[in-house]
Amino acid sequence: MADRRPAANPWRLDLRELGRRAGSMQEIDRTAPAPEGWRVELIGVPAGAEVRLRLRLESVMEGVLVTGDLDVPVTGSCARCLEPIEDTLQLEVQELYAYEGSTTEATSEEDEVRRIEGDYLDLAPLVRDTVVLNLPLAPVCTENCAGLCVDCGQRLDDLPADHHHDIVDARWAGLAEKFGTPSAASTQPSSPGTPGEIPTTEEN
């Protein structure tokens, strides 16, 4: 006879051992692979990364109260300099999962309460929402990251303090491209007149 038990899923908890007697408790300490899509634009949890779950399940009148801690690995790019970022978020969770037919389940909107499905509880949506809400929209590699040089695109923190670029007078740009960096004189504002015009001296 085929085994009809649910396929092993570390995010799906079997509550039969916990039971429904109010006050019953169960400790959970496990890792589970993150599904795809737990991210914002610049940072997120790599698909398959191991998320550490340290949770306490407590049976209450209306359902199961889940409290505990999460260790969540994240990777992404710095919003200022685009350098890779690797970190681990340490998050806390507390959520009531309601029994089918309970007052809480019956009086709450679909998106206001998490529900227990038979004898099972799915942790994945709770952890996903907790993680995504805590991901920074503009992550940085360091608090003082200076970003990129607007002229050459290199990371400013890797460049000397006196790093700068000469601003070439637009009227000399063609010569600069043909012969290389122009002399200092060409980078200074020239006297009024047509580029290249030789000033003349008025005769008395």
N, C-alpha and C. Protein backbone atom coordinates (compact mmCIF):
# COMPACT_ATOMS: atom_id res chain seq x y z
N MET A 1 0.85 -1.19 0.00
CA MET A 1 0.00 0.00 0.00
C MET A 1 0.89 1.25 0.00
N ALA A 2 0.53 2.23 -0.82
CA ALA A 2 1.36 3.43 -0.95
C ALA A 2 1.33 4.24 0.34
N ASP A 3 2.48 4.88 0.62
CA ASP A 3 2.59 5.73 1.80
C ASP A 3 1.96 7.07 1.46
N ARG A 4 0.86 7.42 2.16
CA ARG A 4 0.16 8.66 1.84
C ARG A 4 0.49 9.79 2.82
N ARG A 5 1.51 9.58 3.64
CA ARG A 5 1.91 10.65 4.54
C ARG A 5 2.48 11.81 3.73
N PRO A 6 2.35 13.06 4.25
CA PRO A 6 2.90 14.20 3.51
C PRO A 6 4.41 14.03 3.31
N ALA A 7 4.88 14.48 2.14
CA ALA A 7 6.31 14.39 1.85
C ALA A 7 7.07 15.20 2.88
N ALA A 8 8.29 14.73 3.19
CA ALA A 8 9.10 15.42 4.19
C ALA A 8 9.32 16.87 3.76
N ASN A 9 8.95 17.79 4.61
CA ASN A 9 9.08 19.21 4.34
C ASN A 9 9.46 19.89 5.65
N PRO A 10 10.70 20.36 5.77
CA PRO A 10 11.15 20.92 7.04
C PRO A 10 10.40 22.17 7.46
N TRP A 11 9.69 22.81 6.54
CA TRP A 11 8.90 23.99 6.90
C TRP A 11 7.51 23.62 7.44
N ARG A 12 7.13 22.39 7.25
CA ARG A 12 5.79 21.93 7.63
C ARG A 12 5.90 21.11 8.92
N LEU A 13 5.26 21.59 9.98
CA LEU A 13 5.38 20.94 11.29
C LEU A 13 4.16 20.07 11.58
N ASP A 14 4.44 18.87 12.05
CA ASP A 14 3.39 17.94 12.48
C ASP A 14 3.03 18.27 13.93
N LEU A 15 1.78 18.62 14.18
CA LEU A 15 1.34 19.05 15.51
C LEU A 15 0.73 17.93 16.34
N ARG A 16 0.73 16.71 15.82
CA ARG A 16 0.08 15.62 16.56
C ARG A 16 0.79 15.32 17.87
N GLU A 17 2.11 15.49 17.89
CA GLU A 17 2.84 15.26 19.13
C GLU A 17 2.55 16.35 20.16
N LEU A 18 2.38 17.58 19.69
CA LEU A 18 2.06 18.68 20.59
C LEU A 18 0.68 18.51 21.22
N GLY A 19 -0.28 18.11 20.40
CA GLY A 19 -1.64 17.94 20.91
C GLY A 19 -2.34 19.28 21.10
N ARG A 20 -3.59 19.19 21.55
CA ARG A 20 -4.39 20.41 21.70
C ARG A 20 -4.62 20.80 23.15
N ARG A 21 -4.00 20.13 24.06
CA ARG A 21 -4.20 20.48 25.47
C ARG A 21 -3.49 21.81 25.74
N ALA A 22 -4.27 22.81 26.19
CA ALA A 22 -3.70 24.14 26.44
C ALA A 22 -2.54 24.05 27.42
N GLY A 23 -1.45 24.69 27.06
CA GLY A 23 -0.27 24.67 27.91
C GLY A 23 0.80 23.71 27.43
N SER A 24 0.44 22.79 26.54
CA SER A 24 1.44 21.86 25.99
C SER A 24 2.47 22.65 25.18
N MET A 25 3.72 22.23 25.29
CA MET A 25 4.79 22.96 24.60
C MET A 25 5.71 21.99 23.87
N GLN A 26 6.36 22.51 22.83
CA GLN A 26 7.31 21.72 22.06
C GLN A 26 8.41 22.64 21.55
N GLU A 27 9.66 22.19 21.65
CA GLU A 27 10.79 22.96 21.18
C GLU A 27 11.22 22.44 19.80
N ILE A 28 11.51 23.38 18.90
CA ILE A 28 11.96 23.04 17.55
C ILE A 28 13.32 23.69 17.31
N ASP A 29 14.31 22.90 16.90
CA ASP A 29 15.63 23.43 16.53
C ASP A 29 16.06 22.69 15.27
N ARG A 30 15.95 23.36 14.14
CA ARG A 30 16.27 22.70 12.87
C ARG A 30 16.69 23.74 11.84
N THR A 31 17.19 23.25 10.72
CA THR A 31 17.46 24.12 9.57
C THR A 31 16.55 23.71 8.43
N ALA A 32 16.24 24.69 7.59
CA ALA A 32 15.39 24.43 6.43
C ALA A 32 15.89 25.25 5.26
N PRO A 33 15.88 24.68 4.04
CA PRO A 33 16.38 25.41 2.87
C PRO A 33 15.39 26.49 2.43
N ALA A 34 15.92 27.67 2.14
CA ALA A 34 15.06 28.78 1.72
C ALA A 34 14.54 28.55 0.30
N PRO A 35 13.26 28.77 0.08
CA PRO A 35 12.73 28.72 -1.29
C PRO A 35 13.22 29.93 -2.08
N GLU A 36 12.94 29.96 -3.37
CA GLU A 36 13.32 31.09 -4.21
C GLU A 36 12.40 32.28 -3.92
N GLY A 37 12.92 33.47 -4.16
CA GLY A 37 12.08 34.66 -4.11
C GLY A 37 12.08 35.43 -2.81
N TRP A 38 12.87 35.01 -1.83
CA TRP A 38 12.90 35.74 -0.56
C TRP A 38 13.90 36.87 -0.69
N ARG A 39 13.53 37.97 -1.36
CA ARG A 39 14.49 39.03 -1.61
C ARG A 39 13.77 40.32 -1.96
N VAL A 40 14.52 41.42 -1.88
CA VAL A 40 14.13 42.69 -2.46
C VAL A 40 15.14 42.97 -3.57
N GLU A 41 15.16 44.17 -4.11
CA GLU A 41 15.94 44.40 -5.33
C GLU A 41 17.43 44.08 -5.19
N LEU A 42 18.09 44.54 -4.12
CA LEU A 42 19.54 44.42 -4.03
C LEU A 42 20.04 43.35 -3.07
N ILE A 43 19.16 42.72 -2.31
CA ILE A 43 19.62 41.75 -1.32
C ILE A 43 18.51 40.74 -1.04
N GLY A 44 18.93 39.53 -0.69
CA GLY A 44 17.93 38.50 -0.39
C GLY A 44 18.58 37.23 0.10
N VAL A 45 17.74 36.24 0.34
CA VAL A 45 18.21 34.94 0.82
C VAL A 45 18.45 34.05 -0.40
N PRO A 46 19.66 33.53 -0.58
CA PRO A 46 19.89 32.65 -1.72
C PRO A 46 19.00 31.42 -1.66
N ALA A 47 18.43 31.03 -2.78
CA ALA A 47 17.59 29.83 -2.82
C ALA A 47 18.40 28.62 -2.35
N GLY A 48 17.86 27.87 -1.42
CA GLY A 48 18.53 26.69 -0.90
C GLY A 48 19.41 26.96 0.31
N ALA A 49 19.63 28.23 0.65
CA ALA A 49 20.44 28.56 1.83
C ALA A 49 19.76 28.03 3.09
N GLU A 50 20.56 27.55 4.05
CA GLU A 50 19.99 26.96 5.27
C GLU A 50 19.59 28.05 6.27
N VAL A 51 18.31 28.07 6.59
CA VAL A 51 17.77 29.00 7.59
C VAL A 51 17.63 28.25 8.91
N ARG A 52 18.21 28.79 9.97
CA ARG A 52 18.17 28.14 11.29
C ARG A 52 16.91 28.57 12.03
N LEU A 53 16.16 27.60 12.52
CA LEU A 53 14.91 27.85 13.25
C LEU A 53 15.06 27.35 14.68
N ARG A 54 14.90 28.25 15.64
CA ARG A 54 14.86 27.86 17.05
C ARG A 54 13.54 28.38 17.60
N LEU A 55 12.57 27.48 17.69
CA LEU A 55 11.20 27.89 17.97
C LEU A 55 10.59 27.12 19.14
N ARG A 56 9.61 27.78 19.76
CA ARG A 56 8.82 27.13 20.80
C ARG A 56 7.36 27.15 20.35
N LEU A 57 6.74 25.98 20.33
CA LEU A 57 5.33 25.86 20.00
C LEU A 57 4.54 25.68 21.29
N GLU A 58 3.53 26.49 21.46
CA GLU A 58 2.70 26.41 22.67
C GLU A 58 1.23 26.28 22.28
N SER A 59 0.59 25.24 22.76
CA SER A 59 -0.82 25.03 22.48
C SER A 59 -1.66 25.95 23.37
N VAL A 60 -2.51 26.75 22.73
CA VAL A 60 -3.42 27.64 23.45
C VAL A 60 -4.84 27.33 22.99
N MET A 61 -5.82 27.97 23.60
CA MET A 61 -7.22 27.65 23.32
C MET A 61 -7.58 27.81 21.84
N GLU A 62 -7.05 28.85 21.22
CA GLU A 62 -7.45 29.16 19.84
C GLU A 62 -6.55 28.56 18.77
N GLY A 63 -5.40 28.01 19.20
CA GLY A 63 -4.48 27.48 18.19
C GLY A 63 -3.12 27.19 18.77
N VAL A 64 -2.08 27.51 18.01
CA VAL A 64 -0.69 27.26 18.42
C VAL A 64 0.08 28.58 18.32
N LEU A 65 0.69 28.97 19.43
CA LEU A 65 1.51 30.18 19.46
C LEU A 65 2.96 29.79 19.15
N VAL A 66 3.51 30.41 18.13
CA VAL A 66 4.89 30.14 17.70
C VAL A 66 5.76 31.35 18.07
N THR A 67 6.80 31.12 18.85
CA THR A 67 7.76 32.18 19.20
C THR A 67 9.17 31.63 19.02
N GLY A 68 10.12 32.51 18.75
CA GLY A 68 11.50 32.04 18.64
C GLY A 68 12.37 32.95 17.82
N ASP A 69 13.52 32.38 17.40
CA ASP A 69 14.55 33.13 16.69
C ASP A 69 14.89 32.46 15.36
N LEU A 70 15.33 33.30 14.43
CA LEU A 70 15.75 32.84 13.11
C LEU A 70 17.14 33.37 12.81
N ASP A 71 17.98 32.53 12.21
CA ASP A 71 19.26 32.97 11.64
C ASP A 71 19.15 32.78 10.13
N VAL A 72 19.20 33.89 9.41
CA VAL A 72 18.91 33.85 7.97
C VAL A 72 20.09 34.41 7.18
N PRO A 73 20.78 33.59 6.37
CA PRO A 73 21.88 34.10 5.53
C PRO A 73 21.34 34.91 4.37
N VAL A 74 21.98 36.06 4.11
CA VAL A 74 21.57 36.90 2.99
C VAL A 74 22.80 37.32 2.17
N THR A 75 22.59 37.52 0.89
CA THR A 75 23.65 38.02 0.01
C THR A 75 23.06 39.10 -0.89
N GLY A 76 23.93 40.00 -1.35
CA GLY A 76 23.44 41.05 -2.23
C GLY A 76 24.56 41.96 -2.67
N SER A 77 24.20 43.21 -3.00
CA SER A 77 25.17 44.20 -3.47
C SER A 77 24.98 45.50 -2.71
N CYS A 78 26.09 46.16 -2.41
CA CYS A 78 26.05 47.46 -1.73
C CYS A 78 25.38 48.48 -2.64
N ALA A 79 24.45 49.25 -2.08
CA ALA A 79 23.73 50.24 -2.88
C ALA A 79 24.62 51.41 -3.28
N ARG A 80 25.76 51.58 -2.61
CA ARG A 80 26.64 52.71 -2.91
C ARG A 80 27.78 52.35 -3.85
N CYS A 81 28.43 51.21 -3.60
CA CYS A 81 29.62 50.86 -4.40
C CYS A 81 29.46 49.55 -5.18
N LEU A 82 28.34 48.86 -4.99
CA LEU A 82 28.01 47.62 -5.71
C LEU A 82 28.89 46.43 -5.32
N GLU A 83 29.69 46.56 -4.25
CA GLU A 83 30.48 45.42 -3.77
C GLU A 83 29.56 44.34 -3.22
N PRO A 84 29.95 43.05 -3.34
CA PRO A 84 29.12 41.97 -2.79
C PRO A 84 28.97 42.08 -1.27
N ILE A 85 27.82 41.69 -0.77
CA ILE A 85 27.53 41.70 0.66
C ILE A 85 27.11 40.29 1.08
N GLU A 86 27.65 39.83 2.19
CA GLU A 86 27.20 38.58 2.82
C GLU A 86 26.95 38.86 4.29
N ASP A 87 25.81 38.43 4.80
CA ASP A 87 25.48 38.71 6.19
C ASP A 87 24.51 37.64 6.68
N THR A 88 24.24 37.66 7.98
CA THR A 88 23.23 36.78 8.57
C THR A 88 22.29 37.63 9.40
N LEU A 89 21.01 37.61 9.05
CA LEU A 89 20.01 38.33 9.84
C LEU A 89 19.59 37.47 11.02
N GLN A 90 19.51 38.09 12.18
CA GLN A 90 19.01 37.42 13.37
C GLN A 90 17.68 38.06 13.73
N LEU A 91 16.61 37.31 13.55
CA LEU A 91 15.27 37.85 13.66
C LEU A 91 14.46 37.09 14.71
N GLU A 92 13.45 37.77 15.25
CA GLU A 92 12.53 37.16 16.19
C GLU A 92 11.16 37.03 15.56
N VAL A 93 10.45 35.96 15.91
CA VAL A 93 9.09 35.78 15.42
C VAL A 93 8.15 35.47 16.58
N GLN A 94 6.93 35.88 16.43
CA GLN A 94 5.86 35.51 17.36
C GLN A 94 4.55 35.58 16.58
N GLU A 95 3.87 34.46 16.48
CA GLU A 95 2.67 34.40 15.65
C GLU A 95 1.72 33.34 16.18
N LEU A 96 0.43 33.66 16.15
CA LEU A 96 -0.61 32.69 16.52
C LEU A 96 -1.17 32.05 15.26
N TYR A 97 -1.11 30.73 15.20
CA TYR A 97 -1.77 29.97 14.14
C TYR A 97 -3.09 29.46 14.70
N ALA A 98 -4.18 29.78 14.03
CA ALA A 98 -5.52 29.44 14.55
C ALA A 98 -5.99 28.08 14.06
N TYR A 99 -6.68 27.35 14.94
CA TYR A 99 -7.31 26.09 14.57
C TYR A 99 -8.49 26.37 13.64
N GLU A 100 -8.76 25.44 12.74
CA GLU A 100 -9.95 25.54 11.91
C GLU A 100 -11.19 25.50 12.81
N GLY A 101 -12.09 26.45 12.58
CA GLY A 101 -13.32 26.47 13.37
C GLY A 101 -13.20 27.22 14.68
N SER A 102 -12.02 27.69 15.03
CA SER A 102 -11.87 28.46 16.27
C SER A 102 -12.48 29.84 16.10
N THR A 103 -12.75 30.50 17.23
CA THR A 103 -13.30 31.85 17.16
C THR A 103 -12.38 32.79 16.41
N THR A 104 -11.08 32.67 16.67
CA THR A 104 -10.11 33.52 15.98
C THR A 104 -10.17 33.31 14.48
N GLU A 105 -10.23 32.05 14.05
CA GLU A 105 -10.28 31.73 12.62
C GLU A 105 -11.57 32.23 12.00
N ALA A 106 -12.68 32.08 12.73
CA ALA A 106 -13.99 32.43 12.19
C ALA A 106 -14.21 33.94 12.10
N THR A 107 -13.59 34.70 12.97
CA THR A 107 -13.84 36.14 13.03
C THR A 107 -12.75 36.97 12.38
N SER A 108 -11.76 36.33 11.77
CA SER A 108 -10.66 37.06 11.15
C SER A 108 -10.73 36.97 9.64
N GLU A 109 -10.28 38.03 8.98
CA GLU A 109 -10.19 38.01 7.53
C GLU A 109 -9.11 37.03 7.09
N GLU A 110 -9.17 36.63 5.82
CA GLU A 110 -8.25 35.62 5.30
C GLU A 110 -6.79 36.00 5.50
N ASP A 111 -6.47 37.30 5.31
CA ASP A 111 -5.08 37.73 5.40
C ASP A 111 -4.69 38.25 6.78
N GLU A 112 -5.59 38.11 7.76
CA GLU A 112 -5.31 38.64 9.10
C GLU A 112 -4.79 37.58 10.06
N VAL A 113 -4.95 36.32 9.74
CA VAL A 113 -4.55 35.26 10.67
C VAL A 113 -3.97 34.09 9.88
N ARG A 114 -3.00 33.44 10.48
CA ARG A 114 -2.44 32.23 9.87
C ARG A 114 -3.20 31.04 10.41
N ARG A 115 -3.46 30.09 9.55
CA ARG A 115 -4.33 28.98 9.91
C ARG A 115 -3.57 27.66 9.95
N ILE A 116 -4.02 26.78 10.85
CA ILE A 116 -3.49 25.42 10.92
C ILE A 116 -4.29 24.56 9.96
N GLU A 117 -3.59 23.79 9.16
CA GLU A 117 -4.23 22.94 8.16
C GLU A 117 -4.24 21.51 8.69
N GLY A 118 -5.36 21.10 9.25
CA GLY A 118 -5.45 19.76 9.82
C GLY A 118 -4.51 19.62 11.01
N ASP A 119 -3.56 18.71 10.89
CA ASP A 119 -2.57 18.50 11.96
C ASP A 119 -1.23 19.14 11.63
N TYR A 120 -1.22 20.04 10.65
CA TYR A 120 0.06 20.60 10.21
C TYR A 120 0.05 22.13 10.22
N LEU A 121 1.25 22.65 10.37
CA LEU A 121 1.46 24.09 10.42
C LEU A 121 2.60 24.42 9.46
N ASP A 122 2.37 25.36 8.54
CA ASP A 122 3.38 25.73 7.54
C ASP A 122 4.11 26.99 7.99
N LEU A 123 5.40 26.87 8.29
CA LEU A 123 6.19 28.00 8.77
C LEU A 123 6.69 28.91 7.65
N ALA A 124 6.76 28.40 6.43
CA ALA A 124 7.41 29.14 5.35
C ALA A 124 6.83 30.53 5.12
N PRO A 125 5.49 30.70 5.04
CA PRO A 125 4.96 32.06 4.81
C PRO A 125 5.32 33.02 5.94
N LEU A 126 5.28 32.55 7.18
CA LEU A 126 5.64 33.40 8.32
C LEU A 126 7.09 33.85 8.22
N VAL A 127 8.00 32.93 7.96
CA VAL A 127 9.42 33.27 7.89
C VAL A 127 9.69 34.16 6.69
N ARG A 128 9.08 33.85 5.55
CA ARG A 128 9.26 34.68 4.35
C ARG A 128 8.85 36.13 4.63
N ASP A 129 7.66 36.33 5.20
CA ASP A 129 7.19 37.69 5.48
C ASP A 129 8.11 38.40 6.46
N THR A 130 8.56 37.69 7.48
CA THR A 130 9.45 38.29 8.48
C THR A 130 10.77 38.71 7.84
N VAL A 131 11.32 37.85 7.00
CA VAL A 131 12.61 38.14 6.36
C VAL A 131 12.48 39.32 5.41
N VAL A 132 11.52 39.28 4.51
CA VAL A 132 11.40 40.32 3.48
C VAL A 132 11.14 41.68 4.11
N LEU A 133 10.34 41.73 5.18
CA LEU A 133 10.07 43.01 5.84
C LEU A 133 11.30 43.57 6.53
N ASN A 134 12.29 42.72 6.82
CA ASN A 134 13.49 43.17 7.51
C ASN A 134 14.70 43.35 6.59
N LEU A 135 14.53 43.08 5.30
CA LEU A 135 15.64 43.29 4.37
C LEU A 135 15.78 44.78 4.07
N PRO A 136 17.00 45.32 4.10
CA PRO A 136 17.19 46.75 3.80
C PRO A 136 16.98 47.03 2.32
N LEU A 137 16.29 48.12 2.01
CA LEU A 137 16.07 48.48 0.62
C LEU A 137 17.35 49.04 -0.01
N ALA A 138 18.23 49.61 0.82
CA ALA A 138 19.50 50.15 0.33
C ALA A 138 20.63 49.61 1.21
N PRO A 139 21.00 48.35 1.04
CA PRO A 139 22.05 47.76 1.87
C PRO A 139 23.41 48.39 1.58
N VAL A 140 24.26 48.46 2.60
CA VAL A 140 25.61 49.00 2.42
C VAL A 140 26.63 48.02 2.97
N CYS A 141 27.82 48.00 2.34
CA CYS A 141 28.87 47.09 2.80
C CYS A 141 29.45 47.56 4.13
N THR A 142 29.53 48.88 4.32
CA THR A 142 29.91 49.48 5.61
C THR A 142 29.10 50.75 5.77
N GLU A 143 28.90 51.17 7.01
CA GLU A 143 28.11 52.36 7.26
C GLU A 143 28.73 53.60 6.61
N ASN A 144 30.07 53.62 6.49
CA ASN A 144 30.76 54.79 5.95
C ASN A 144 31.19 54.63 4.50
N CYS A 145 30.61 53.67 3.79
CA CYS A 145 30.98 53.46 2.39
C CYS A 145 30.80 54.75 1.61
N ALA A 146 31.87 55.17 0.89
CA ALA A 146 31.84 56.43 0.15
C ALA A 146 31.27 56.29 -1.25
N GLY A 147 31.02 55.07 -1.69
CA GLY A 147 30.44 54.88 -3.02
C GLY A 147 31.48 54.85 -4.13
N LEU A 148 31.05 55.22 -5.33
CA LEU A 148 31.91 55.17 -6.51
C LEU A 148 32.26 56.57 -6.99
N CYS A 149 33.44 56.70 -7.58
CA CYS A 149 33.84 57.96 -8.20
C CYS A 149 32.94 58.19 -9.42
N VAL A 150 32.34 59.36 -9.50
CA VAL A 150 31.41 59.64 -10.60
C VAL A 150 32.12 59.77 -11.93
N ASP A 151 33.44 60.00 -11.90
CA ASP A 151 34.18 60.17 -13.16
C ASP A 151 34.74 58.86 -13.69
N CYS A 152 35.36 58.05 -12.82
CA CYS A 152 36.01 56.82 -13.32
C CYS A 152 35.29 55.55 -12.88
N GLY A 153 34.34 55.66 -11.96
CA GLY A 153 33.57 54.49 -11.55
C GLY A 153 34.26 53.57 -10.58
N GLN A 154 35.45 53.93 -10.09
CA GLN A 154 36.14 53.09 -9.12
C GLN A 154 35.61 53.37 -7.71
N ARG A 155 35.82 52.37 -6.85
CA ARG A 155 35.34 52.49 -5.46
C ARG A 155 36.21 53.51 -4.72
N LEU A 156 35.58 54.54 -4.17
CA LEU A 156 36.32 55.63 -3.54
C LEU A 156 37.13 55.17 -2.34
N ASP A 157 36.62 54.19 -1.59
CA ASP A 157 37.35 53.72 -0.42
C ASP A 157 38.65 53.02 -0.79
N ASP A 158 38.79 52.62 -2.06
CA ASP A 158 40.02 51.96 -2.51
C ASP A 158 41.00 52.94 -3.15
N LEU A 159 40.60 54.19 -3.25
CA LEU A 159 41.43 55.19 -3.93
C LEU A 159 42.10 56.10 -2.91
N PRO A 160 43.22 56.75 -3.28
CA PRO A 160 43.88 57.67 -2.35
C PRO A 160 42.99 58.86 -2.03
N ALA A 161 43.26 59.49 -0.88
CA ALA A 161 42.42 60.60 -0.42
C ALA A 161 42.43 61.77 -1.39
N ASP A 162 43.54 61.95 -2.15
CA ASP A 162 43.64 63.09 -3.06
C ASP A 162 43.18 62.74 -4.48
N HIS A 163 42.46 61.61 -4.61
CA HIS A 163 41.98 61.20 -5.94
C HIS A 163 41.08 62.28 -6.53
N HIS A 164 41.37 62.68 -7.79
CA HIS A 164 40.52 63.65 -8.47
C HIS A 164 40.73 63.52 -9.97
N HIS A 165 39.90 64.21 -10.71
CA HIS A 165 40.01 64.23 -12.17
C HIS A 165 40.01 65.67 -12.63
N ASP A 166 40.96 66.01 -13.55
CA ASP A 166 40.97 67.36 -14.12
C ASP A 166 39.77 67.52 -15.04
N ILE A 167 39.13 68.66 -14.91
CA ILE A 167 37.99 68.94 -15.78
C ILE A 167 38.51 69.70 -17.00
N VAL A 168 38.41 69.07 -18.14
CA VAL A 168 38.94 69.66 -19.37
C VAL A 168 37.92 70.62 -19.97
N ASP A 169 38.39 71.79 -20.36
CA ASP A 169 37.53 72.75 -21.03
C ASP A 169 36.95 72.08 -22.28
N ALA A 170 35.66 72.14 -22.41
CA ALA A 170 34.99 71.45 -23.53
C ALA A 170 35.54 71.88 -24.89
N ARG A 171 36.05 73.12 -24.96
CA ARG A 171 36.56 73.62 -26.23
C ARG A 171 37.86 72.95 -26.64
N TRP A 172 38.54 72.29 -25.66
CA TRP A 172 39.81 71.60 -25.94
C TRP A 172 39.63 70.08 -25.98
N ALA A 173 38.40 69.61 -25.83
CA ALA A 173 38.17 68.17 -25.72
C ALA A 173 38.70 67.39 -26.92
N GLY A 174 38.52 67.95 -28.13
CA GLY A 174 39.00 67.27 -29.33
C GLY A 174 40.50 67.08 -29.33
N LEU A 175 41.23 68.14 -28.95
CA LEU A 175 42.69 68.04 -28.88
C LEU A 175 43.12 67.07 -27.78
N ALA A 176 42.36 67.06 -26.66
CA ALA A 176 42.71 66.17 -25.55
C ALA A 176 42.61 64.72 -25.99
N GLU A 177 41.59 64.41 -26.77
CA GLU A 177 41.42 63.03 -27.24
C GLU A 177 42.51 62.66 -28.23
N LYS A 178 42.94 63.63 -29.05
CA LYS A 178 43.92 63.34 -30.10
C LYS A 178 45.35 63.25 -29.57
N PHE A 179 45.69 64.15 -28.64
CA PHE A 179 47.08 64.23 -28.19
C PHE A 179 47.29 63.81 -26.74
N GLY A 180 46.22 63.41 -26.04
CA GLY A 180 46.37 63.03 -24.64
C GLY A 180 45.92 64.15 -23.73
N THR A 181 46.29 64.04 -22.45
CA THR A 181 45.86 65.03 -21.47
C THR A 181 46.40 66.40 -21.82
N PRO A 182 45.53 67.39 -21.88
CA PRO A 182 45.99 68.74 -22.23
C PRO A 182 46.79 69.35 -21.11
N SER A 183 47.50 70.41 -21.43
CA SER A 183 48.29 71.09 -20.41
C SER A 183 47.38 71.78 -19.43
N ALA A 184 47.97 72.18 -18.29
CA ALA A 184 47.17 72.81 -17.25
C ALA A 184 46.49 74.06 -17.78
N ALA A 185 47.16 74.74 -18.72
CA ALA A 185 46.57 75.97 -19.23
C ALA A 185 45.25 75.71 -19.92
N SER A 186 45.16 74.54 -20.57
CA SER A 186 43.94 74.26 -21.31
C SER A 186 42.78 73.91 -20.42
N THR A 187 43.05 73.59 -19.15
CA THR A 187 41.98 73.23 -18.24
C THR A 187 41.45 74.44 -17.49
N GLN A 188 42.08 75.59 -17.69
CA GLN A 188 41.64 76.79 -17.01
C GLN A 188 40.68 77.55 -17.92
N PRO A 189 39.79 78.31 -17.31
CA PRO A 189 38.88 79.12 -18.14
C PRO A 189 39.69 80.06 -19.02
N SER A 190 39.38 80.10 -20.30
CA SER A 190 40.11 80.97 -21.21
C SER A 190 39.40 82.32 -21.27
N SER A 191 40.09 83.28 -21.88
CA SER A 191 39.50 84.60 -22.00
C SER A 191 38.35 84.55 -22.98
N PRO A 192 37.42 85.48 -22.87
CA PRO A 192 36.27 85.47 -23.78
C PRO A 192 36.73 85.51 -25.22
N GLY A 193 35.94 84.91 -26.06
CA GLY A 193 36.26 84.92 -27.48
C GLY A 193 36.09 83.55 -28.08
N THR A 194 36.41 83.45 -29.33
CA THR A 194 36.27 82.18 -30.03
C THR A 194 37.40 81.26 -29.64
N PRO A 195 37.12 79.95 -29.39
CA PRO A 195 38.20 79.01 -29.04
C PRO A 195 39.32 79.08 -30.07
N GLY A 196 40.54 79.19 -29.56
CA GLY A 196 41.69 79.20 -30.48
C GLY A 196 42.02 80.56 -31.03
N GLU A 197 41.17 81.55 -30.74
CA GLU A 197 41.43 82.89 -31.28
C GLU A 197 42.63 83.52 -30.57
N ILE A 198 43.55 84.11 -31.30
CA ILE A 198 44.73 84.73 -30.73
C ILE A 198 44.41 86.17 -30.37
N PRO A 199 44.55 86.52 -29.10
CA PRO A 199 44.22 87.89 -28.71
C PRO A 199 45.11 88.88 -29.45
N THR A 200 44.57 89.99 -29.81
CA THR A 200 45.34 91.03 -30.48
C THR A 200 45.47 92.24 -29.58
N THR A 201 46.49 92.99 -29.79
CA THR A 201 46.73 94.20 -28.96
C THR A 201 46.37 95.43 -29.76
N GLU A 202 45.52 96.25 -29.19
CA GLU A 202 45.14 97.45 -29.90
C GLU A 202 46.31 98.43 -29.96
N GLU A 203 46.45 99.03 -31.13
CA GLU A 203 47.49 100.04 -31.28
C GLU A 203 46.92 101.39 -30.94
N ASN A 204 47.71 102.17 -30.26
CA ASN A 204 47.27 103.51 -29.97
C ASN A 204 47.31 104.36 -31.23
